[in-house]
Amino acid sequence: MEWDSDGREYVARVPALPGCVTHGKTRPEVLERVREAIEGYIEALSASGDPIPPGDADVTIEEVEVTA
């Protein structure tokens, strides 16, 4: 998740699911939306008969605060 200063919102991308991107005005909103986006993406893959990517991605979530 990253802050988009141009759009004034958070953007979340799911690298394991190409093209799976969502956004929201607050962190909780974008977290909920990314969960929904992942579910929808996987449902669409399943419905079309496409393979679902393996769930073996190694993910680490870190938060860093930068002050000027």
PDB file of N, CA and C in Angstrom:
ATOM      1  N   MET A   1       0.862  -1.158   0.000  1.00  0.00           N
ATOM      2  CA  MET A   1       0.000   0.000   0.000  1.00  0.00           C
ATOM      3  C   MET A   1       0.908   1.220   0.000  1.00  0.00           C
ATOM      4  N   GLU A   2       0.516   2.199  -0.796  1.00  0.00           N
ATOM      5  CA  GLU A   2       1.279   3.439  -0.817  1.00  0.00           C
ATOM      6  C   GLU A   2       0.346   4.622  -0.992  1.00  0.00           C
ATOM      7  N   TRP A   3       0.793   5.781  -0.554  1.00  0.00           N
ATOM      8  CA  TRP A   3       0.017   7.004  -0.667  1.00  0.00           C
ATOM      9  C   TRP A   3       0.263   7.611  -2.045  1.00  0.00           C
ATOM     10  N   ASP A   4      -0.802   7.928  -2.754  1.00  0.00           N
ATOM     11  CA  ASP A   4      -0.719   8.603  -4.045  1.00  0.00           C
ATOM     12  C   ASP A   4      -1.043  10.071  -3.805  1.00  0.00           C
ATOM     13  N   SER A   5      -0.002  10.910  -3.762  1.00  0.00           N
ATOM     14  CA  SER A   5      -0.219  12.320  -3.449  1.00  0.00           C
ATOM     15  C   SER A   5      -0.978  13.047  -4.555  1.00  0.00           C
ATOM     16  N   ASP A   6      -0.879  12.576  -5.800  1.00  0.00           N
ATOM     17  CA  ASP A   6      -1.637  13.196  -6.894  1.00  0.00           C
ATOM     18  C   ASP A   6      -3.130  12.923  -6.738  1.00  0.00           C
ATOM     19  N   GLY A   7      -3.478  11.678  -6.476  1.00  0.00           N
ATOM     20  CA  GLY A   7      -4.881  11.297  -6.325  1.00  0.00           C
ATOM     21  C   GLY A   7      -5.413  11.507  -4.924  1.00  0.00           C
ATOM     22  N   ARG A   8      -4.498  11.819  -3.970  1.00  0.00           N
ATOM     23  CA  ARG A   8      -4.852  12.029  -2.573  1.00  0.00           C
ATOM     24  C   ARG A   8      -5.579  10.818  -1.984  1.00  0.00           C
ATOM     25  N   GLU A   9      -5.021   9.618  -2.244  1.00  0.00           N
ATOM     26  CA  GLU A   9      -5.599   8.381  -1.725  1.00  0.00           C
ATOM     27  C   GLU A   9      -4.519   7.316  -1.637  1.00  0.00           C
ATOM     28  N   TYR A  10      -4.834   6.249  -0.925  1.00  0.00           N
ATOM     29  CA  TYR A  10      -3.939   5.100  -0.837  1.00  0.00           C
ATOM     30  C   TYR A  10      -4.209   4.170  -2.013  1.00  0.00           C
ATOM     31  N   VAL A  11      -3.147   3.540  -2.497  1.00  0.00           N
ATOM     32  CA  VAL A  11      -3.262   2.578  -3.586  1.00  0.00           C
ATOM     33  C   VAL A  11      -2.630   1.276  -3.111  1.00  0.00           C
ATOM     34  N   ALA A  12      -3.321   0.167  -3.337  1.00  0.00           N
ATOM     35  CA  ALA A  12      -2.806  -1.149  -2.967  1.00  0.00           C
ATOM     36  C   ALA A  12      -2.715  -2.014  -4.208  1.00  0.00           C
ATOM     37  N   ARG A  13      -1.571  -2.658  -4.374  1.00  0.00           N
ATOM     38  CA  ARG A  13      -1.342  -3.572  -5.490  1.00  0.00           C
ATOM     39  C   ARG A  13      -1.040  -4.960  -4.935  1.00  0.00           C
ATOM     40  N   VAL A  14      -1.446  -5.979  -5.683  1.00  0.00           N
ATOM     41  CA  VAL A  14      -1.190  -7.361  -5.278  1.00  0.00           C
ATOM     42  C   VAL A  14      -0.271  -7.975  -6.331  1.00  0.00           C
ATOM     43  N   PRO A  15       1.042  -7.945  -6.108  1.00  0.00           N
ATOM     44  CA  PRO A  15       1.982  -8.418  -7.128  1.00  0.00           C
ATOM     45  C   PRO A  15       1.750  -9.863  -7.585  1.00  0.00           C
ATOM     46  N   ALA A  16       1.249 -10.715  -6.700  1.00  0.00           N
ATOM     47  CA  ALA A  16       1.005 -12.112  -7.066  1.00  0.00           C
ATOM     48  C   ALA A  16      -0.165 -12.267  -8.033  1.00  0.00           C
ATOM     49  N   LEU A  17      -0.995 -11.220  -8.154  1.00  0.00           N
ATOM     50  CA  LEU A  17      -2.158 -11.249  -9.039  1.00  0.00           C
ATOM     51  C   LEU A  17      -2.049 -10.060  -9.999  1.00  0.00           C
ATOM     52  N   PRO A  18      -1.407 -10.247 -11.154  1.00  0.00           N
ATOM     53  CA  PRO A  18      -1.161  -9.135 -12.082  1.00  0.00           C
ATOM     54  C   PRO A  18      -2.433  -8.343 -12.403  1.00  0.00           C
ATOM     55  N   GLY A  19      -2.342  -7.031 -12.244  1.00  0.00           N
ATOM     56  CA  GLY A  19      -3.469  -6.154 -12.533  1.00  0.00           C
ATOM     57  C   GLY A  19      -4.433  -5.975 -11.381  1.00  0.00           C
ATOM     58  N   CYS A  20      -4.193  -6.653 -10.270  1.00  0.00           N
ATOM     59  CA  CYS A  20      -5.077  -6.533  -9.112  1.00  0.00           C
ATOM     60  C   CYS A  20      -4.632  -5.312  -8.307  1.00  0.00           C
ATOM     61  N   VAL A  21      -5.370  -4.218  -8.489  1.00  0.00           N
ATOM     62  CA  VAL A  21      -5.048  -2.930  -7.874  1.00  0.00           C
ATOM     63  C   VAL A  21      -6.344  -2.307  -7.376  1.00  0.00           C
ATOM     64  N   THR A  22      -6.281  -1.633  -6.246  1.00  0.00           N
ATOM     65  CA  THR A  22      -7.443  -0.915  -5.742  1.00  0.00           C
ATOM     66  C   THR A  22      -6.970   0.322  -4.984  1.00  0.00           C
ATOM     67  N   HIS A  23      -7.906   1.123  -4.525  1.00  0.00           N
ATOM     68  CA  HIS A  23      -7.553   2.369  -3.855  1.00  0.00           C
ATOM     69  C   HIS A  23      -8.619   2.739  -2.833  1.00  0.00           C
ATOM     70  N   GLY A  24      -8.270   3.674  -1.951  1.00  0.00           N
ATOM     71  CA  GLY A  24      -9.218   4.156  -0.952  1.00  0.00           C
ATOM     72  C   GLY A  24      -8.683   5.393  -0.271  1.00  0.00           C
ATOM     73  N   LYS A  25      -9.575   6.144   0.338  1.00  0.00           N
ATOM     74  CA  LYS A  25      -9.200   7.400   0.990  1.00  0.00           C
ATOM     75  C   LYS A  25      -8.508   7.178   2.338  1.00  0.00           C
ATOM     76  N   THR A  26      -8.801   6.042   2.992  1.00  0.00           N
ATOM     77  CA  THR A  26      -8.175   5.744   4.282  1.00  0.00           C
ATOM     78  C   THR A  26      -7.524   4.368   4.217  1.00  0.00           C
ATOM     79  N   ARG A  27      -6.610   4.116   5.142  1.00  0.00           N
ATOM     80  CA  ARG A  27      -5.944   2.806   5.177  1.00  0.00           C
ATOM     81  C   ARG A  27      -6.956   1.678   5.423  1.00  0.00           C
ATOM     82  N   PRO A  28      -7.863   1.813   6.402  1.00  0.00           N
ATOM     83  CA  PRO A  28      -8.844   0.732   6.601  1.00  0.00           C
ATOM     84  C   PRO A  28      -9.707   0.504   5.355  1.00  0.00           C
ATOM     85  N   GLU A  29     -10.068   1.578   4.667  1.00  0.00           N
ATOM     86  CA  GLU A  29     -10.890   1.434   3.465  1.00  0.00           C
ATOM     87  C   GLU A  29     -10.137   0.672   2.378  1.00  0.00           C
ATOM     88  N   VAL A  30      -8.877   1.003   2.151  1.00  0.00           N
ATOM     89  CA  VAL A  30      -8.134   0.320   1.097  1.00  0.00           C
ATOM     90  C   VAL A  30      -7.835  -1.129   1.489  1.00  0.00           C
ATOM     91  N   LEU A  31      -7.658  -1.408   2.777  1.00  0.00           N
ATOM     92  CA  LEU A  31      -7.446  -2.796   3.209  1.00  0.00           C
ATOM     93  C   LEU A  31      -8.691  -3.640   2.937  1.00  0.00           C
ATOM     94  N   GLU A  32      -9.856  -3.103   3.228  1.00  0.00           N
ATOM     95  CA  GLU A  32     -11.100  -3.821   2.938  1.00  0.00           C
ATOM     96  C   GLU A  32     -11.251  -4.022   1.434  1.00  0.00           C
ATOM     97  N   ARG A  33     -10.968  -2.979   0.674  1.00  0.00           N
ATOM     98  CA  ARG A  33     -11.113  -3.072  -0.785  1.00  0.00           C
ATOM     99  C   ARG A  33     -10.122  -4.054  -1.402  1.00  0.00           C
ATOM    100  N   VAL A  34      -8.908  -4.128  -0.859  1.00  0.00           N
ATOM    101  CA  VAL A  34      -7.942  -5.059  -1.436  1.00  0.00           C
ATOM    102  C   VAL A  34      -8.356  -6.497  -1.128  1.00  0.00           C
ATOM    103  N   ARG A  35      -8.944  -6.733   0.039  1.00  0.00           N
ATOM    104  CA  ARG A  35      -9.472  -8.077   0.334  1.00  0.00           C
ATOM    105  C   ARG A  35     -10.562  -8.446  -0.678  1.00  0.00           C
ATOM    106  N   GLU A  36     -11.466  -7.498  -0.941  1.00  0.00           N
ATOM    107  CA  GLU A  36     -12.535  -7.737  -1.919  1.00  0.00           C
ATOM    108  C   GLU A  36     -11.965  -7.936  -3.320  1.00  0.00           C
ATOM    109  N   ALA A  37     -10.941  -7.163  -3.671  1.00  0.00           N
ATOM    110  CA  ALA A  37     -10.326  -7.286  -4.993  1.00  0.00           C
ATOM    111  C   ALA A  37      -9.673  -8.656  -5.176  1.00  0.00           C
ATOM    112  N   ILE A  38      -8.995  -9.139  -4.143  1.00  0.00           N
ATOM    113  CA  ILE A  38      -8.359 -10.457  -4.211  1.00  0.00           C
ATOM    114  C   ILE A  38      -9.422 -11.543  -4.375  1.00  0.00           C
ATOM    115  N   GLU A  39     -10.487 -11.470  -3.572  1.00  0.00           N
ATOM    116  CA  GLU A  39     -11.565 -12.461  -3.673  1.00  0.00           C
ATOM    117  C   GLU A  39     -12.178 -12.441  -5.073  1.00  0.00           C
ATOM    118  N   GLY A  40     -12.470 -11.247  -5.591  1.00  0.00           N
ATOM    119  CA  GLY A  40     -13.065 -11.130  -6.917  1.00  0.00           C
ATOM    120  C   GLY A  40     -12.140 -11.634  -8.009  1.00  0.00           C
ATOM    121  N   TYR A  41     -10.870 -11.348  -7.897  1.00  0.00           N
ATOM    122  CA  TYR A  41      -9.876 -11.785  -8.871  1.00  0.00           C
ATOM    123  C   TYR A  41      -9.840 -13.315  -8.937  1.00  0.00           C
ATOM    124  N   ILE A  42      -9.768 -13.939  -7.763  1.00  0.00           N
ATOM    125  CA  ILE A  42      -9.698 -15.402  -7.708  1.00  0.00           C
ATOM    126  C   ILE A  42     -11.003 -16.027  -8.197  1.00  0.00           C
ATOM    127  N   GLU A  43     -12.130 -15.443  -7.848  1.00  0.00           N
ATOM    128  CA  GLU A  43     -13.417 -15.938  -8.347  1.00  0.00           C
ATOM    129  C   GLU A  43     -13.481 -15.850  -9.871  1.00  0.00           C
ATOM    130  N   ALA A  44     -12.993 -14.760 -10.442  1.00  0.00           N
ATOM    131  CA  ALA A  44     -12.992 -14.592 -11.899  1.00  0.00           C
ATOM    132  C   ALA A  44     -12.085 -15.613 -12.568  1.00  0.00           C
ATOM    133  N   LEU A  45     -10.916 -15.867 -11.986  1.00  0.00           N
ATOM    134  CA  LEU A  45     -10.028 -16.890 -12.533  1.00  0.00           C
ATOM    135  C   LEU A  45     -10.705 -18.254 -12.523  1.00  0.00           C
ATOM    136  N   SER A  46     -11.313 -18.572 -11.409  1.00  0.00           N
ATOM    137  CA  SER A  46     -11.987 -19.859 -11.257  1.00  0.00           C
ATOM    138  C   SER A  46     -13.142 -19.999 -12.252  1.00  0.00           C
ATOM    139  N   ALA A  47     -13.938 -18.945 -12.400  1.00  0.00           N
ATOM    140  CA  ALA A  47     -15.090 -18.984 -13.307  1.00  0.00           C
ATOM    141  C   ALA A  47     -14.667 -19.140 -14.762  1.00  0.00           C
ATOM    142  N   SER A  48     -13.525 -18.581 -15.116  1.00  0.00           N
ATOM    143  CA  SER A  48     -13.071 -18.660 -16.505  1.00  0.00           C
ATOM    144  C   SER A  48     -12.222 -19.896 -16.765  1.00  0.00           C
ATOM    145  N   GLY A  49     -11.941 -20.664 -15.726  1.00  0.00           N
ATOM    146  CA  GLY A  49     -11.145 -21.883 -15.884  1.00  0.00           C
ATOM    147  C   GLY A  49      -9.647 -21.636 -15.915  1.00  0.00           C
ATOM    148  N   ASP A  50      -9.247 -20.401 -15.636  1.00  0.00           N
ATOM    149  CA  ASP A  50      -7.823 -20.084 -15.597  1.00  0.00           C
ATOM    150  C   ASP A  50      -7.222 -20.560 -14.281  1.00  0.00           C
ATOM    151  N   PRO A  51      -5.937 -20.898 -14.289  1.00  0.00           N
ATOM    152  CA  PRO A  51      -5.306 -21.381 -13.049  1.00  0.00           C
ATOM    153  C   PRO A  51      -5.163 -20.261 -12.021  1.00  0.00           C
ATOM    154  N   ILE A  52      -5.309 -20.627 -10.785  1.00  0.00           N
ATOM    155  CA  ILE A  52      -5.112 -19.687  -9.687  1.00  0.00           C
ATOM    156  C   ILE A  52      -3.636 -19.759  -9.302  1.00  0.00           C
ATOM    157  N   PRO A  53      -2.960 -18.605  -9.240  1.00  0.00           N
ATOM    158  CA  PRO A  53      -1.536 -18.621  -8.883  1.00  0.00           C
ATOM    159  C   PRO A  53      -1.314 -19.312  -7.542  1.00  0.00           C
ATOM    160  N   PRO A  54      -0.191 -20.006  -7.406  1.00  0.00           N
ATOM    161  CA  PRO A  54       0.090 -20.667  -6.133  1.00  0.00           C
ATOM    162  C   PRO A  54       0.221 -19.646  -5.012  1.00  0.00           C
ATOM    163  N   GLY A  55      -0.192 -20.043  -3.839  1.00  0.00           N
ATOM    164  CA  GLY A  55      -0.158 -19.146  -2.681  1.00  0.00           C
ATOM    165  C   GLY A  55       1.120 -19.250  -1.894  1.00  0.00           C
ATOM    166  N   ASP A  56       2.242 -19.258  -2.583  1.00  0.00           N
ATOM    167  CA  ASP A  56       3.509 -19.436  -1.879  1.00  0.00           C
ATOM    168  C   ASP A  56       4.364 -18.174  -1.854  1.00  0.00           C
ATOM    169  N   ALA A  57       3.742 -17.018  -2.029  1.00  0.00           N
ATOM    170  CA  ALA A  57       4.497 -15.771  -2.001  1.00  0.00           C
ATOM    171  C   ALA A  57       4.968 -15.475  -0.580  1.00  0.00           C
ATOM    172  N   ASP A  58       6.195 -15.039  -0.465  1.00  0.00           N
ATOM    173  CA  ASP A  58       6.757 -14.648   0.823  1.00  0.00           C
ATOM    174  C   ASP A  58       6.508 -13.157   0.983  1.00  0.00           C
ATOM    175  N   VAL A  59       5.641 -12.785   1.910  1.00  0.00           N
ATOM    176  CA  VAL A  59       5.244 -11.391   2.073  1.00  0.00           C
ATOM    177  C   VAL A  59       5.655 -10.900   3.446  1.00  0.00           C
ATOM    178  N   THR A  60       6.236  -9.726   3.470  1.00  0.00           N
ATOM    179  CA  THR A  60       6.583  -9.054   4.716  1.00  0.00           C
ATOM    180  C   THR A  60       5.957  -7.673   4.672  1.00  0.00           C
ATOM    181  N   ILE A  61       5.296  -7.296   5.732  1.00  0.00           N
ATOM    182  CA  ILE A  61       4.677  -5.979   5.791  1.00  0.00           C
ATOM    183  C   ILE A  61       5.435  -5.157   6.814  1.00  0.00           C
ATOM    184  N   GLU A  62       5.928  -4.034   6.366  1.00  0.00           N
ATOM    185  CA  GLU A  62       6.679  -3.135   7.217  1.00  0.00           C
ATOM    186  C   GLU A  62       6.065  -1.745   7.123  1.00  0.00           C
ATOM    187  N   GLU A  63       6.122  -1.009   8.188  1.00  0.00           N
ATOM    188  CA  GLU A  63       5.652   0.373   8.168  1.00  0.00           C
ATOM    189  C   GLU A  63       6.811   1.251   8.635  1.00  0.00           C
ATOM    190  N   VAL A  64       7.083   2.260   7.838  1.00  0.00           N
ATOM    191  CA  VAL A  64       8.173   3.175   8.145  1.00  0.00           C
ATOM    192  C   VAL A  64       7.619   4.588   8.148  1.00  0.00           C
ATOM    193  N   GLU A  65       7.889   5.330   9.201  1.00  0.00           N
ATOM    194  CA  GLU A  65       7.445   6.720   9.269  1.00  0.00           C
ATOM    195  C   GLU A  65       8.632   7.622   8.951  1.00  0.00           C
ATOM    196  N   VAL A  66       8.408   8.518   8.019  1.00  0.00           N
ATOM    197  CA  VAL A  66       9.453   9.457   7.612  1.00  0.00           C
ATOM    198  C   VAL A  66       9.003  10.859   7.995  1.00  0.00           C
ATOM    199  N   THR A  67       9.860  11.583   8.674  1.00  0.00           N
ATOM    200  CA  THR A  67       9.533  12.961   9.035  1.00  0.00           C
ATOM    201  C   THR A  67      10.543  13.881   8.367  1.00  0.00           C
ATOM    202  N   ALA A  68      10.072  15.046   8.030  1.00  0.00           N
ATOM    203  CA  ALA A  68      10.941  16.017   7.342  1.00  0.00           C
ATOM    204  C   ALA A  68      11.648  16.914   8.333  1.00  0.00           C
TER     205      ALA A  68
END
